[in-house]
Amino acid sequence: MEVHEVAQAASDLLEAYDTGKPVPPLIEGWPQATIEDAYRIQQRQVAEWTNRGETIRGHKVGLASAAMQRQMGVDQPDFGHLTATMFHLEHAPIPATSFIQPRIEPEIAFVLGRPLEGPGVTVADAVRAVDCVLPALEIVDSRIQDWKISIVDTIADNASSGGVILGSTPSRLSDVDLRLAGCVLYSNGQVAATGAGGAVLGSPLNALVWLANTLGPLGVALEPGHVVLPGSMTRAIPVTAGDTIVTMIGGLGSVTATLSTE
């Protein structure tokens, strides 16, 4: 894509945030767009957010399961940025009108205590960098009409990021086997999905390592205090105003999100 095409695609997505109206799939307008182009579009939006005073508070990993990679026709995950305004307090009402077509998924969030910068990061490095882990819910959202997304669309759209709700009880990494941690996702009191940490690249730690080694060559380090969402333990489920979503993760506890009707 030419520079002006990248700028136009980023502008279209930024307008979707402002108006609440999704845009047609980018890949339809720019069928030649590559994954590299998609990240350029994402970075252009991030630059605009920071110009507006936003702060980057972490990153998310998407397409972390083998099933999602097969669906998208890729052989690796993708990543997006988490800004300060994406974080919501547990139990506090979250305005459903903040999103266009939200879905929600359970994750194990890493909170970093040390910087982590690739390339060359190992699992041992990642373990040393983690201060604690928390149960989390990620609200994924798409600025692309009807979720008709290709890999280019979701990367350009900041990996379909929407919001983050962190649990309030931190755990030490050494106290839980992330691979075997089971998860139950409840929607309005009913079981909606189940899963385990092993669904995330074999272990959520592998997603953290991948992210650090992918960002490193771009000149980006994961910073102390940053939150990393490594990928969903289950399928994402649609949510709407008035819904209460709870996830319980073995060894980590629970976290609750409530979407308000305002």
C-alpha atoms as a PDB file:
ATOM      1  CA  MET A   1       0.000   0.000   0.000  1.00  0.00           C
ATOM      2  CA  GLU A   2       1.121   3.533  -0.707  1.00  0.00           C
ATOM      3  CA  VAL A   3       1.612   5.966   2.156  1.00  0.00           C
ATOM      4  CA  HIS A   4      -1.593   7.829   1.366  1.00  0.00           C
ATOM      5  CA  GLU A   5      -3.553   4.556   1.279  1.00  0.00           C
ATOM      6  CA  VAL A   6      -2.258   3.579   4.720  1.00  0.00           C
ATOM      7  CA  ALA A   7      -3.249   7.035   5.983  1.00  0.00           C
ATOM      8  CA  GLN A   8      -6.743   6.700   4.505  1.00  0.00           C
ATOM      9  CA  ALA A   9      -7.324   3.251   6.008  1.00  0.00           C
ATOM     10  CA  ALA A  10      -6.184   4.479   9.430  1.00  0.00           C
ATOM     11  CA  SER A  11      -8.429   7.531   9.107  1.00  0.00           C
ATOM     12  CA  ASP A  12     -11.422   5.338   8.248  1.00  0.00           C
ATOM     13  CA  LEU A  13     -10.875   3.190  11.345  1.00  0.00           C
ATOM     14  CA  LEU A  14     -10.376   6.222  13.584  1.00  0.00           C
ATOM     15  CA  GLU A  15     -13.639   7.646  12.293  1.00  0.00           C
ATOM     16  CA  ALA A  16     -15.394   4.378  13.141  1.00  0.00           C
ATOM     17  CA  TYR A  17     -14.274   4.812  16.773  1.00  0.00           C
ATOM     18  CA  ASP A  18     -15.640   8.359  16.789  1.00  0.00           C
ATOM     19  CA  THR A  19     -18.969   7.657  15.071  1.00  0.00           C
ATOM     20  CA  GLY A  20     -19.689   4.105  16.213  1.00  0.00           C
ATOM     21  CA  LYS A  21     -20.297   3.134  12.598  1.00  0.00           C
ATOM     22  CA  PRO A  22     -18.208   0.216  11.253  1.00  0.00           C
ATOM     23  CA  VAL A  23     -16.474   0.358   7.898  1.00  0.00           C
ATOM     24  CA  PRO A  24     -16.383  -2.214   5.080  1.00  0.00           C
ATOM     25  CA  PRO A  25     -13.543  -4.747   5.201  1.00  0.00           C
ATOM     26  CA  LEU A  26     -10.292  -3.015   4.309  1.00  0.00           C
ATOM     27  CA  ILE A  27      -9.207  -5.961   2.215  1.00  0.00           C
ATOM     28  CA  GLU A  28     -12.083  -5.208  -0.176  1.00  0.00           C
ATOM     29  CA  GLY A  29     -10.827  -1.705  -0.862  1.00  0.00           C
ATOM     30  CA  TRP A  30      -7.151  -2.652  -0.817  1.00  0.00           C
ATOM     31  CA  PRO A  31      -6.942  -6.325  -1.876  1.00  0.00           C
ATOM     32  CA  GLN A  32      -3.181  -5.992  -2.293  1.00  0.00           C
ATOM     33  CA  ALA A  33      -2.696  -5.094   1.390  1.00  0.00           C
ATOM     34  CA  THR A  34      -0.172  -7.235   3.274  1.00  0.00           C
ATOM     35  CA  ILE A  35       0.310  -8.023   6.952  1.00  0.00           C
ATOM     36  CA  GLU A  36       3.112  -5.442   6.989  1.00  0.00           C
ATOM     37  CA  ASP A  37       0.679  -2.855   5.605  1.00  0.00           C
ATOM     38  CA  ALA A  38      -1.824  -3.785   8.307  1.00  0.00           C
ATOM     39  CA  TYR A  39       0.681  -3.116  11.076  1.00  0.00           C
ATOM     40  CA  ARG A  40       1.514   0.242   9.453  1.00  0.00           C
ATOM     41  CA  ILE A  41      -2.189   1.116   9.615  1.00  0.00           C
ATOM     42  CA  GLN A  42      -2.324   0.024  13.251  1.00  0.00           C
ATOM     43  CA  GLN A  43       0.759   2.045  14.174  1.00  0.00           C
ATOM     44  CA  ARG A  44      -0.681   5.141  12.516  1.00  0.00           C
ATOM     45  CA  GLN A  45      -3.750   4.915  14.752  1.00  0.00           C
ATOM     46  CA  VAL A  46      -1.606   4.376  17.843  1.00  0.00           C
ATOM     47  CA  ALA A  47       0.390   7.485  16.953  1.00  0.00           C
ATOM     48  CA  GLU A  48      -2.841   9.485  16.698  1.00  0.00           C
ATOM     49  CA  TRP A  49      -4.067   8.190  20.060  1.00  0.00           C
ATOM     50  CA  THR A  50      -0.836   9.146  21.783  1.00  0.00           C
ATOM     51  CA  ASN A  51      -1.006  12.569  20.124  1.00  0.00           C
ATOM     52  CA  ARG A  52      -4.415  12.937  21.770  1.00  0.00           C
ATOM     53  CA  GLY A  53      -2.905  12.159  25.175  1.00  0.00           C
ATOM     54  CA  GLU A  54      -3.490   8.414  25.395  1.00  0.00           C
ATOM     55  CA  THR A  55      -0.963   6.226  27.192  1.00  0.00           C
ATOM     56  CA  ILE A  56       0.057   2.734  26.111  1.00  0.00           C
ATOM     57  CA  ARG A  57      -0.404   0.445  29.109  1.00  0.00           C
ATOM     58  CA  GLY A  58       0.246  -2.922  27.517  1.00  0.00           C
ATOM     59  CA  HIS A  59      -0.329  -5.214  24.569  1.00  0.00           C
ATOM     60  CA  LYS A  60      -2.555  -8.084  23.555  1.00  0.00           C
ATOM     61  CA  VAL A  61      -1.835 -11.200  21.550  1.00  0.00           C
ATOM     62  CA  GLY A  62      -4.507 -12.409  19.175  1.00  0.00           C
ATOM     63  CA  LEU A  63      -4.924 -15.531  17.042  1.00  0.00           C
ATOM     64  CA  ALA A  64      -3.124 -17.476  19.752  1.00  0.00           C
ATOM     65  CA  SER A  65      -4.959 -20.762  19.210  1.00  0.00           C
ATOM     66  CA  ALA A  66      -4.273 -23.253  16.438  1.00  0.00           C
ATOM     67  CA  ALA A  67      -7.950 -23.191  15.460  1.00  0.00           C
ATOM     68  CA  MET A  68      -7.983 -19.419  14.941  1.00  0.00           C
ATOM     69  CA  GLN A  69      -4.727 -19.529  12.982  1.00  0.00           C
ATOM     70  CA  ARG A  70      -6.175 -22.161  10.664  1.00  0.00           C
ATOM     71  CA  GLN A  71      -9.336 -20.089  10.245  1.00  0.00           C
ATOM     72  CA  MET A  72      -7.320 -17.008   9.268  1.00  0.00           C
ATOM     73  CA  GLY A  73      -4.802 -18.926   7.167  1.00  0.00           C
ATOM     74  CA  VAL A  74      -1.771 -17.785   9.174  1.00  0.00           C
ATOM     75  CA  ASP A  75       0.946 -19.569  11.102  1.00  0.00           C
ATOM     76  CA  GLN A  76       1.577 -17.076  13.888  1.00  0.00           C
ATOM     77  CA  PRO A  77      -0.366 -14.795  16.258  1.00  0.00           C
ATOM     78  CA  ASP A  78      -0.842 -11.064  15.893  1.00  0.00           C
ATOM     79  CA  PHE A  79      -0.656  -8.215  18.400  1.00  0.00           C
ATOM     80  CA  GLY A  80      -2.384  -4.991  19.329  1.00  0.00           C
ATOM     81  CA  HIS A  81      -1.936  -2.135  21.791  1.00  0.00           C
ATOM     82  CA  LEU A  82      -3.793  -1.579  25.068  1.00  0.00           C
ATOM     83  CA  THR A  83      -4.352   2.042  26.056  1.00  0.00           C
ATOM     84  CA  ALA A  84      -5.234   3.397  29.485  1.00  0.00           C
ATOM     85  CA  THR A  85      -8.839   4.147  28.552  1.00  0.00           C
ATOM     86  CA  MET A  86      -9.412   0.523  27.550  1.00  0.00           C
ATOM     87  CA  PHE A  87      -9.121  -0.618  31.177  1.00  0.00           C
ATOM     88  CA  HIS A  88     -12.311  -0.903  33.235  1.00  0.00           C
ATOM     89  CA  LEU A  89     -12.756  -1.683  36.913  1.00  0.00           C
ATOM     90  CA  GLU A  90     -14.194  -5.028  37.887  1.00  0.00           C
ATOM     91  CA  HIS A  91     -17.916  -4.808  38.827  1.00  0.00           C
ATOM     92  CA  ALA A  92     -18.127  -1.149  37.717  1.00  0.00           C
ATOM     93  CA  PRO A  93     -20.701  -0.605  34.930  1.00  0.00           C
ATOM     94  CA  ILE A  94     -19.097  -0.528  31.476  1.00  0.00           C
ATOM     95  CA  PRO A  95     -21.062   1.540  28.937  1.00  0.00           C
ATOM     96  CA  ALA A  96     -22.123  -0.799  26.150  1.00  0.00           C
ATOM     97  CA  THR A  97     -22.328   2.223  23.866  1.00  0.00           C
ATOM     98  CA  SER A  98     -18.515   2.430  23.987  1.00  0.00           C
ATOM     99  CA  PHE A  99     -18.392  -0.512  21.599  1.00  0.00           C
ATOM    100  CA  ILE A 100     -19.753  -1.322  18.156  1.00  0.00           C
ATOM    101  CA  GLN A 101     -20.186  -5.117  18.109  1.00  0.00           C
ATOM    102  CA  PRO A 102     -18.517  -6.418  21.282  1.00  0.00           C
ATOM    103  CA  ARG A 103     -17.600  -9.941  22.222  1.00  0.00           C
ATOM    104  CA  ILE A 104     -15.863 -11.090  25.380  1.00  0.00           C
ATOM    105  CA  GLU A 105     -13.295 -13.747  26.178  1.00  0.00           C
ATOM    106  CA  PRO A 106     -11.388 -14.977  29.262  1.00  0.00           C
ATOM    107  CA  GLU A 107      -7.636 -14.636  29.585  1.00  0.00           C
ATOM    108  CA  ILE A 108      -4.774 -14.883  32.064  1.00  0.00           C
ATOM    109  CA  ALA A 109      -3.217 -11.434  32.264  1.00  0.00           C
ATOM    110  CA  PHE A 110       0.480 -10.919  32.926  1.00  0.00           C
ATOM    111  CA  VAL A 111       1.585  -7.852  34.874  1.00  0.00           C
ATOM    112  CA  LEU A 112       5.268  -7.182  34.288  1.00  0.00           C
ATOM    113  CA  GLY A 113       7.682  -6.220  37.034  1.00  0.00           C
ATOM    114  CA  ARG A 114      10.752  -5.930  34.804  1.00  0.00           C
ATOM    115  CA  PRO A 115      11.323  -4.784  31.235  1.00  0.00           C
ATOM    116  CA  LEU A 116      11.219  -7.499  28.595  1.00  0.00           C
ATOM    117  CA  GLU A 117      12.778  -6.794  25.230  1.00  0.00           C
ATOM    118  CA  GLY A 118      13.552  -9.095  22.328  1.00  0.00           C
ATOM    119  CA  PRO A 119      14.899 -10.562  20.240  1.00  0.00           C
ATOM    120  CA  GLY A 120      16.278 -13.582  22.057  1.00  0.00           C
ATOM    121  CA  VAL A 121      13.777 -13.643  24.944  1.00  0.00           C
ATOM    122  CA  THR A 122      13.336 -17.116  26.422  1.00  0.00           C
ATOM    123  CA  VAL A 123      10.646 -18.584  28.648  1.00  0.00           C
ATOM    124  CA  ALA A 124      13.067 -18.178  31.563  1.00  0.00           C
ATOM    125  CA  ASP A 125      13.428 -14.475  30.764  1.00  0.00           C
ATOM    126  CA  ALA A 126       9.663 -14.110  30.611  1.00  0.00           C
ATOM    127  CA  VAL A 127       9.188 -15.847  33.966  1.00  0.00           C
ATOM    128  CA  ARG A 128      11.649 -13.467  35.626  1.00  0.00           C
ATOM    129  CA  ALA A 129       9.881 -10.453  34.128  1.00  0.00           C
ATOM    130  CA  VAL A 130       6.391 -11.345  35.378  1.00  0.00           C
ATOM    131  CA  ASP A 131       5.393  -9.707  38.653  1.00  0.00           C
ATOM    132  CA  CYS A 132       2.004 -11.398  38.944  1.00  0.00           C
ATOM    133  CA  VAL A 133      -0.862 -12.913  36.994  1.00  0.00           C
ATOM    134  CA  LEU A 134      -4.539 -12.004  37.160  1.00  0.00           C
ATOM    135  CA  PRO A 135      -7.781 -13.427  35.816  1.00  0.00           C
ATOM    136  CA  ALA A 136      -9.011 -11.132  33.072  1.00  0.00           C
ATOM    137  CA  LEU A 137     -11.797 -10.550  30.614  1.00  0.00           C
ATOM    138  CA  GLU A 138     -11.064  -8.944  27.277  1.00  0.00           C
ATOM    139  CA  ILE A 139     -13.785  -7.199  25.337  1.00  0.00           C
ATOM    140  CA  VAL A 140     -12.930  -7.623  21.684  1.00  0.00           C
ATOM    141  CA  ASP A 141     -14.617  -5.344  19.204  1.00  0.00           C
ATOM    142  CA  SER A 142     -14.412  -4.773  15.482  1.00  0.00           C
ATOM    143  CA  ARG A 143     -14.634  -1.575  13.525  1.00  0.00           C
ATOM    144  CA  ILE A 144     -15.180  -3.785  10.451  1.00  0.00           C
ATOM    145  CA  GLN A 145     -18.778  -4.441   9.417  1.00  0.00           C
ATOM    146  CA  ASP A 146     -20.288  -7.694  10.726  1.00  0.00           C
ATOM    147  CA  TRP A 147     -16.904  -9.008  11.871  1.00  0.00           C
ATOM    148  CA  LYS A 148     -16.087  -9.902   8.253  1.00  0.00           C
ATOM    149  CA  ILE A 149     -12.380  -9.762   8.922  1.00  0.00           C
ATOM    150  CA  SER A 150      -9.311 -11.084   7.205  1.00  0.00           C
ATOM    151  CA  ILE A 151      -5.944 -11.207   8.946  1.00  0.00           C
ATOM    152  CA  VAL A 152      -5.189  -7.807   7.398  1.00  0.00           C
ATOM    153  CA  ASP A 153      -8.420  -6.329   8.759  1.00  0.00           C
ATOM    154  CA  THR A 154      -7.971  -7.499  12.330  1.00  0.00           C
ATOM    155  CA  ILE A 155      -4.311  -6.415  12.542  1.00  0.00           C
ATOM    156  CA  ALA A 156      -5.095  -3.008  11.048  1.00  0.00           C
ATOM    157  CA  ASP A 157      -7.947  -2.699  13.556  1.00  0.00           C
ATOM    158  CA  ASN A 158      -5.525  -3.009  16.505  1.00  0.00           C
ATOM    159  CA  ALA A 159      -6.096  -6.765  16.730  1.00  0.00           C
ATOM    160  CA  SER A 160      -9.801  -6.102  17.367  1.00  0.00           C
ATOM    161  CA  SER A 161      -9.079  -4.616  20.790  1.00  0.00           C
ATOM    162  CA  GLY A 162     -11.912  -3.135  22.813  1.00  0.00           C
ATOM    163  CA  GLY A 163     -11.573  -3.253  26.590  1.00  0.00           C
ATOM    164  CA  VAL A 164      -9.924  -5.022  29.507  1.00  0.00           C
ATOM    165  CA  ILE A 165     -11.232  -5.979  32.940  1.00  0.00           C
ATOM    166  CA  LEU A 166      -8.666  -7.277  35.408  1.00  0.00           C
ATOM    167  CA  GLY A 167      -9.425  -9.332  38.494  1.00  0.00           C
ATOM    168  CA  SER A 168      -8.478  -7.861  41.838  1.00  0.00           C
ATOM    169  CA  THR A 169      -6.552 -10.782  43.359  1.00  0.00           C
ATOM    170  CA  PRO A 170      -3.005 -11.182  42.007  1.00  0.00           C
ATOM    171  CA  SER A 171      -1.230 -14.532  42.086  1.00  0.00           C
ATOM    172  CA  ARG A 172       2.425 -15.449  41.801  1.00  0.00           C
ATOM    173  CA  LEU A 173       3.367 -17.184  38.591  1.00  0.00           C
ATOM    174  CA  SER A 174       4.932 -20.030  40.592  1.00  0.00           C
ATOM    175  CA  ASP A 175       1.594 -20.776  42.271  1.00  0.00           C
ATOM    176  CA  VAL A 176      -0.261 -21.909  39.159  1.00  0.00           C
ATOM    177  CA  ASP A 177       0.397 -24.165  36.178  1.00  0.00           C
ATOM    178  CA  LEU A 178      -0.825 -21.931  33.384  1.00  0.00           C
ATOM    179  CA  ARG A 179      -1.107 -24.800  30.918  1.00  0.00           C
ATOM    180  CA  LEU A 180      -3.497 -26.781  33.103  1.00  0.00           C
ATOM    181  CA  ALA A 181      -5.493 -23.889  34.545  1.00  0.00           C
ATOM    182  CA  GLY A 182      -9.118 -24.582  33.670  1.00  0.00           C
ATOM    183  CA  CYS A 183     -11.566 -21.838  32.796  1.00  0.00           C
ATOM    184  CA  VAL A 184     -15.349 -21.520  32.886  1.00  0.00           C
ATOM    185  CA  LEU A 185     -17.028 -18.520  31.264  1.00  0.00           C
ATOM    186  CA  TYR A 186     -20.495 -17.584  32.493  1.00  0.00           C
ATOM    187  CA  SER A 187     -22.951 -15.283  30.737  1.00  0.00           C
ATOM    188  CA  ASN A 188     -25.801 -14.087  32.956  1.00  0.00           C
ATOM    189  CA  GLY A 189     -25.342 -17.080  35.243  1.00  0.00           C
ATOM    190  CA  GLN A 190     -25.224 -19.716  32.502  1.00  0.00           C
ATOM    191  CA  VAL A 191     -22.128 -21.594  31.346  1.00  0.00           C
ATOM    192  CA  ALA A 192     -21.177 -20.153  27.980  1.00  0.00           C
ATOM    193  CA  ALA A 193     -17.776 -21.736  27.321  1.00  0.00           C
ATOM    194  CA  THR A 194     -14.979 -23.724  28.920  1.00  0.00           C
ATOM    195  CA  GLY A 195     -11.279 -23.989  28.202  1.00  0.00           C
ATOM    196  CA  ALA A 196      -7.773 -24.168  29.602  1.00  0.00           C
ATOM    197  CA  GLY A 197      -4.515 -22.246  29.462  1.00  0.00           C
ATOM    198  CA  GLY A 198      -2.961 -24.829  27.181  1.00  0.00           C
ATOM    199  CA  ALA A 199      -5.192 -23.576  24.359  1.00  0.00           C
ATOM    200  CA  VAL A 200      -3.002 -20.462  24.185  1.00  0.00           C
ATOM    201  CA  LEU A 201       0.056 -21.551  22.156  1.00  0.00           C
ATOM    202  CA  GLY A 202       0.521 -24.501  24.510  1.00  0.00           C
ATOM    203  CA  SER A 203       0.988 -22.075  27.406  1.00  0.00           C
ATOM    204  CA  PRO A 204       0.226 -18.365  27.837  1.00  0.00           C
ATOM    205  CA  LEU A 205       3.938 -17.908  28.619  1.00  0.00           C
ATOM    206  CA  ASN A 206       4.732 -18.840  25.024  1.00  0.00           C
ATOM    207  CA  ALA A 207       2.535 -15.975  23.858  1.00  0.00           C
ATOM    208  CA  LEU A 208       4.431 -13.557  26.110  1.00  0.00           C
ATOM    209  CA  VAL A 209       7.751 -14.759  24.685  1.00  0.00           C
ATOM    210  CA  TRP A 210       6.442 -14.439  21.122  1.00  0.00           C
ATOM    211  CA  LEU A 211       5.244 -10.901  21.779  1.00  0.00           C
ATOM    212  CA  ALA A 212       8.532  -9.713  23.287  1.00  0.00           C
ATOM    213  CA  ASN A 213      10.535 -11.205  20.417  1.00  0.00           C
ATOM    214  CA  THR A 214       8.181  -9.753  17.811  1.00  0.00           C
ATOM    215  CA  LEU A 215       8.154  -6.239  19.278  1.00  0.00           C
ATOM    216  CA  GLY A 216      11.900  -6.129  19.925  1.00  0.00           C
ATOM    217  CA  PRO A 217      12.993  -5.706  16.274  1.00  0.00           C
ATOM    218  CA  LEU A 218      10.444  -2.882  16.029  1.00  0.00           C
ATOM    219  CA  GLY A 219      12.241  -1.043  18.813  1.00  0.00           C
ATOM    220  CA  VAL A 220       9.487  -1.687  21.357  1.00  0.00           C
ATOM    221  CA  ALA A 221      10.106  -3.117  24.823  1.00  0.00           C
ATOM    222  CA  LEU A 222       7.496  -4.389  27.250  1.00  0.00           C
ATOM    223  CA  GLU A 223       7.757  -2.125  30.295  1.00  0.00           C
ATOM    224  CA  PRO A 224       7.344  -2.688  34.054  1.00  0.00           C
ATOM    225  CA  GLY A 225       3.695  -2.259  34.933  1.00  0.00           C
ATOM    226  CA  HIS A 226       2.561  -3.177  31.439  1.00  0.00           C
ATOM    227  CA  VAL A 227      -0.270  -5.677  31.097  1.00  0.00           C
ATOM    228  CA  VAL A 228      -0.048  -8.403  28.487  1.00  0.00           C
ATOM    229  CA  LEU A 229      -3.090 -10.386  27.411  1.00  0.00           C
ATOM    230  CA  PRO A 230      -1.733 -13.592  25.850  1.00  0.00           C
ATOM    231  CA  GLY A 231      -4.866 -14.854  24.121  1.00  0.00           C
ATOM    232  CA  SER A 232      -8.259 -16.324  24.873  1.00  0.00           C
ATOM    233  CA  MET A 233      -8.772 -19.619  26.672  1.00  0.00           C
ATOM    234  CA  THR A 234     -12.172 -20.149  25.029  1.00  0.00           C
ATOM    235  CA  ARG A 235     -14.155 -18.910  22.076  1.00  0.00           C
ATOM    236  CA  ALA A 236     -15.360 -15.326  22.299  1.00  0.00           C
ATOM    237  CA  ILE A 237     -19.063 -14.828  23.028  1.00  0.00           C
ATOM    238  CA  PRO A 238     -21.237 -11.850  22.003  1.00  0.00           C
ATOM    239  CA  VAL A 239     -22.280  -9.437  24.753  1.00  0.00           C
ATOM    240  CA  THR A 240     -24.816  -6.664  24.910  1.00  0.00           C
ATOM    241  CA  ALA A 241     -26.100  -4.014  27.305  1.00  0.00           C
ATOM    242  CA  GLY A 242     -27.303  -5.493  30.594  1.00  0.00           C
ATOM    243  CA  ASP A 243     -25.132  -8.612  30.426  1.00  0.00           C
ATOM    244  CA  THR A 244     -23.019  -9.773  33.343  1.00  0.00           C
ATOM    245  CA  ILE A 245     -20.061 -11.940  32.430  1.00  0.00           C
ATOM    246  CA  VAL A 246     -17.985 -13.898  34.945  1.00  0.00           C
ATOM    247  CA  THR A 247     -14.982 -16.087  34.348  1.00  0.00           C
ATOM    248  CA  MET A 248     -13.478 -18.443  36.904  1.00  0.00           C
ATOM    249  CA  ILE A 249      -9.931 -19.665  36.300  1.00  0.00           C
ATOM    250  CA  GLY A 250      -8.448 -22.487  38.333  1.00  0.00           C
ATOM    251  CA  GLY A 251      -5.814 -21.225  40.769  1.00  0.00           C
ATOM    252  CA  LEU A 252      -6.474 -17.565  39.930  1.00  0.00           C
ATOM    253  CA  GLY A 253     -10.030 -16.858  41.032  1.00  0.00           C
ATOM    254  CA  SER A 254     -12.677 -14.916  39.167  1.00  0.00           C
ATOM    255  CA  VAL A 255     -13.353 -11.625  37.440  1.00  0.00           C
ATOM    256  CA  THR A 256     -16.684  -9.996  36.610  1.00  0.00           C
ATOM    257  CA  ALA A 257     -17.715  -7.545  33.896  1.00  0.00           C
ATOM    258  CA  THR A 258     -21.097  -5.816  33.679  1.00  0.00           C
ATOM    259  CA  LEU A 259     -22.204  -3.917  30.589  1.00  0.00           C
ATOM    260  CA  SER A 260     -24.518  -1.047  31.426  1.00  0.00           C
ATOM    261  CA  THR A 261     -27.485   0.063  29.371  1.00  0.00           C
ATOM    262  CA  GLU A 262     -26.263   3.664  29.296  1.00  0.00           C
END
